[in-house]
Amino acid sequence: MHGRTACVFNEMESQSSVLRDVYRYEHEECVNAE
């Protein structure tokens, strides 16, 4: 279910240092998806 929705969600969660690592990992997938 990973898609643009996940990218946007991660951007909002990026403020949380706990999910910062997850954000970077998901962000890379988002960029590669395009």
PDB file of N, CA and C in Angstrom:
ATOM      1  N   MET A   1       0.829  -1.200   0.000  1.00  0.00           N
ATOM      2  CA  MET A   1       0.000   0.000   0.000  1.00  0.00           C
ATOM      3  C   MET A   1       0.868   1.257   0.000  1.00  0.00           C
ATOM      4  N   HIS A   2       2.129   1.100  -0.352  1.00  0.00           N
ATOM      5  CA  HIS A   2       3.021   2.258  -0.364  1.00  0.00           C
ATOM      6  C   HIS A   2       2.818   3.061  -1.643  1.00  0.00           C
ATOM      7  N   GLY A   3       2.628   4.343  -1.492  1.00  0.00           N
ATOM      8  CA  GLY A   3       2.418   5.188  -2.673  1.00  0.00           C
ATOM      9  C   GLY A   3       2.593   6.645  -2.307  1.00  0.00           C
ATOM     10  N   ARG A   4       2.024   7.536  -3.095  1.00  0.00           N
ATOM     11  CA  ARG A   4       2.159   8.966  -2.794  1.00  0.00           C
ATOM     12  C   ARG A   4       1.573   9.280  -1.420  1.00  0.00           C
ATOM     13  N   THR A   5       0.516   8.560  -1.058  1.00  0.00           N
ATOM     14  CA  THR A   5      -0.102   8.788   0.255  1.00  0.00           C
ATOM     15  C   THR A   5       0.921   8.575   1.348  1.00  0.00           C
ATOM     16  N   ALA A   6       1.721   7.521   1.227  1.00  0.00           N
ATOM     17  CA  ALA A   6       2.752   7.228   2.228  1.00  0.00           C
ATOM     18  C   ALA A   6       3.785   8.347   2.249  1.00  0.00           C
ATOM     19  N   CYS A   7       4.126   8.868   1.080  1.00  0.00           N
ATOM     20  CA  CYS A   7       5.117   9.944   0.999  1.00  0.00           C
ATOM     21  C   CYS A   7       4.613  11.166   1.758  1.00  0.00           C
ATOM     22  N   VAL A   8       3.385  11.549   1.504  1.00  0.00           N
ATOM     23  CA  VAL A   8       2.809  12.725   2.165  1.00  0.00           C
ATOM     24  C   VAL A   8       2.717  12.483   3.661  1.00  0.00           C
ATOM     25  N   PHE A   9       2.290  11.282   4.042  1.00  0.00           N
ATOM     26  CA  PHE A   9       2.162  10.963   5.462  1.00  0.00           C
ATOM     27  C   PHE A   9       3.517  11.053   6.139  1.00  0.00           C
ATOM     28  N   ASN A  10       4.532  10.538   5.488  1.00  0.00           N
ATOM     29  CA  ASN A  10       5.875  10.575   6.059  1.00  0.00           C
ATOM     30  C   ASN A  10       6.374  12.001   6.180  1.00  0.00           C
ATOM     31  N   GLU A  11       6.013  12.856   5.241  1.00  0.00           N
ATOM     32  CA  GLU A  11       6.453  14.251   5.312  1.00  0.00           C
ATOM     33  C   GLU A  11       5.899  14.897   6.580  1.00  0.00           C
ATOM     34  N   MET A  12       4.654  14.578   6.917  1.00  0.00           N
ATOM     35  CA  MET A  12       4.038  15.140   8.114  1.00  0.00           C
ATOM     36  C   MET A  12       4.699  14.559   9.357  1.00  0.00           C
ATOM     37  N   GLU A  13       5.028  13.267   9.302  1.00  0.00           N
ATOM     38  CA  GLU A  13       5.643  12.598  10.442  1.00  0.00           C
ATOM     39  C   GLU A  13       7.125  12.910  10.535  1.00  0.00           C
ATOM     40  N   SER A  14       7.664  13.538   9.499  1.00  0.00           N
ATOM     41  CA  SER A  14       9.100  13.841   9.482  1.00  0.00           C
ATOM     42  C   SER A  14       9.487  14.688  10.690  1.00  0.00           C
ATOM     43  N   GLN A  15       8.532  15.415  11.240  1.00  0.00           N
ATOM     44  CA  GLN A  15       8.820  16.254  12.406  1.00  0.00           C
ATOM     45  C   GLN A  15       9.204  15.398  13.608  1.00  0.00           C
ATOM     46  N   SER A  16       8.786  14.139  13.591  1.00  0.00           N
ATOM     47  CA  SER A  16       9.089  13.264  14.716  1.00  0.00           C
ATOM     48  C   SER A  16      10.447  12.623  14.511  1.00  0.00           C
ATOM     49  N   SER A  17      11.373  12.873  15.414  1.00  0.00           N
ATOM     50  CA  SER A  17      12.732  12.332  15.288  1.00  0.00           C
ATOM     51  C   SER A  17      12.708  10.810  15.338  1.00  0.00           C
ATOM     52  N   VAL A  18      11.696  10.245  15.979  1.00  0.00           N
ATOM     53  CA  VAL A  18      11.610   8.790  16.105  1.00  0.00           C
ATOM     54  C   VAL A  18      11.379   8.155  14.740  1.00  0.00           C
ATOM     55  N   LEU A  19      10.536   8.792  13.925  1.00  0.00           N
ATOM     56  CA  LEU A  19      10.233   8.233  12.610  1.00  0.00           C
ATOM     57  C   LEU A  19      11.114   8.847  11.533  1.00  0.00           C
ATOM     58  N   ARG A  20      12.137   9.580  11.969  1.00  0.00           N
ATOM     59  CA  ARG A  20      13.016  10.239  11.011  1.00  0.00           C
ATOM     60  C   ARG A  20      13.706   9.215  10.114  1.00  0.00           C
ATOM     61  N   ASP A  21      14.202   8.139  10.709  1.00  0.00           N
ATOM     62  CA  ASP A  21      14.875   7.105   9.924  1.00  0.00           C
ATOM     63  C   ASP A  21      13.902   6.472   8.942  1.00  0.00           C
ATOM     64  N   VAL A  22      12.684   6.222   9.402  1.00  0.00           N
ATOM     65  CA  VAL A  22      11.673   5.613   8.533  1.00  0.00           C
ATOM     66  C   VAL A  22      11.347   6.559   7.389  1.00  0.00           C
ATOM     67  N   TYR A  23      11.272   7.845   7.698  1.00  0.00           N
ATOM     68  CA  TYR A  23      10.960   8.851   6.679  1.00  0.00           C
ATOM     69  C   TYR A  23      11.987   8.807   5.558  1.00  0.00           C
ATOM     70  N   ARG A  24      13.269   8.742   5.932  1.00  0.00           N
ATOM     71  CA  ARG A  24      14.336   8.725   4.927  1.00  0.00           C
ATOM     72  C   ARG A  24      14.203   7.488   4.051  1.00  0.00           C
ATOM     73  N   TYR A  25      13.937   6.340   4.666  1.00  0.00           N
ATOM     74  CA  TYR A  25      13.822   5.094   3.903  1.00  0.00           C
ATOM     75  C   TYR A  25      12.642   5.164   2.942  1.00  0.00           C
ATOM     76  N   GLU A  26      11.496   5.597   3.447  1.00  0.00           N
ATOM     77  CA  GLU A  26      10.303   5.692   2.608  1.00  0.00           C
ATOM     78  C   GLU A  26      10.478   6.765   1.549  1.00  0.00           C
ATOM     79  N   HIS A  27      11.147   7.859   1.910  1.00  0.00           N
ATOM     80  CA  HIS A  27      11.334   8.951   0.965  1.00  0.00           C
ATOM     81  C   HIS A  27      12.119   8.467  -0.248  1.00  0.00           C
ATOM     82  N   GLU A  28      13.119   7.635  -0.015  1.00  0.00           N
ATOM     83  CA  GLU A  28      13.928   7.119  -1.118  1.00  0.00           C
ATOM     84  C   GLU A  28      13.058   6.300  -2.060  1.00  0.00           C
ATOM     85  N   GLU A  29      12.148   5.500  -1.494  1.00  0.00           N
ATOM     86  CA  GLU A  29      11.268   4.686  -2.324  1.00  0.00           C
ATOM     87  C   GLU A  29      10.361   5.583  -3.149  1.00  0.00           C
ATOM     88  N   CYS A  30       9.894   6.669  -2.554  1.00  0.00           N
ATOM     89  CA  CYS A  30       9.007   7.592  -3.256  1.00  0.00           C
ATOM     90  C   CYS A  30       9.727   8.192  -4.462  1.00  0.00           C
ATOM     91  N   VAL A  31      10.962   8.579  -4.270  1.00  0.00           N
ATOM     92  CA  VAL A  31      11.736   9.183  -5.353  1.00  0.00           C
ATOM     93  C   VAL A  31      11.990   8.155  -6.444  1.00  0.00           C
ATOM     94  N   ASN A  32      12.315   6.937  -6.048  1.00  0.00           N
ATOM     95  CA  ASN A  32      12.593   5.887  -7.021  1.00  0.00           C
ATOM     96  C   ASN A  32      11.323   5.482  -7.762  1.00  0.00           C
ATOM     97  N   ALA A  33      10.173   5.601  -7.107  1.00  0.00           N
ATOM     98  CA  ALA A  33       8.904   5.231  -7.729  1.00  0.00           C
ATOM     99  C   ALA A  33       8.669   6.091  -8.962  1.00  0.00           C
ATOM    100  N   GLU A  34       9.068   7.368  -8.874  1.00  0.00           N
ATOM    101  CA  GLU A  34       8.882   8.265 -10.008  1.00  0.00           C
ATOM    102  C   GLU A  34       9.992   8.024 -11.012  1.00  0.00           C
TER     103      GLU A  34
END
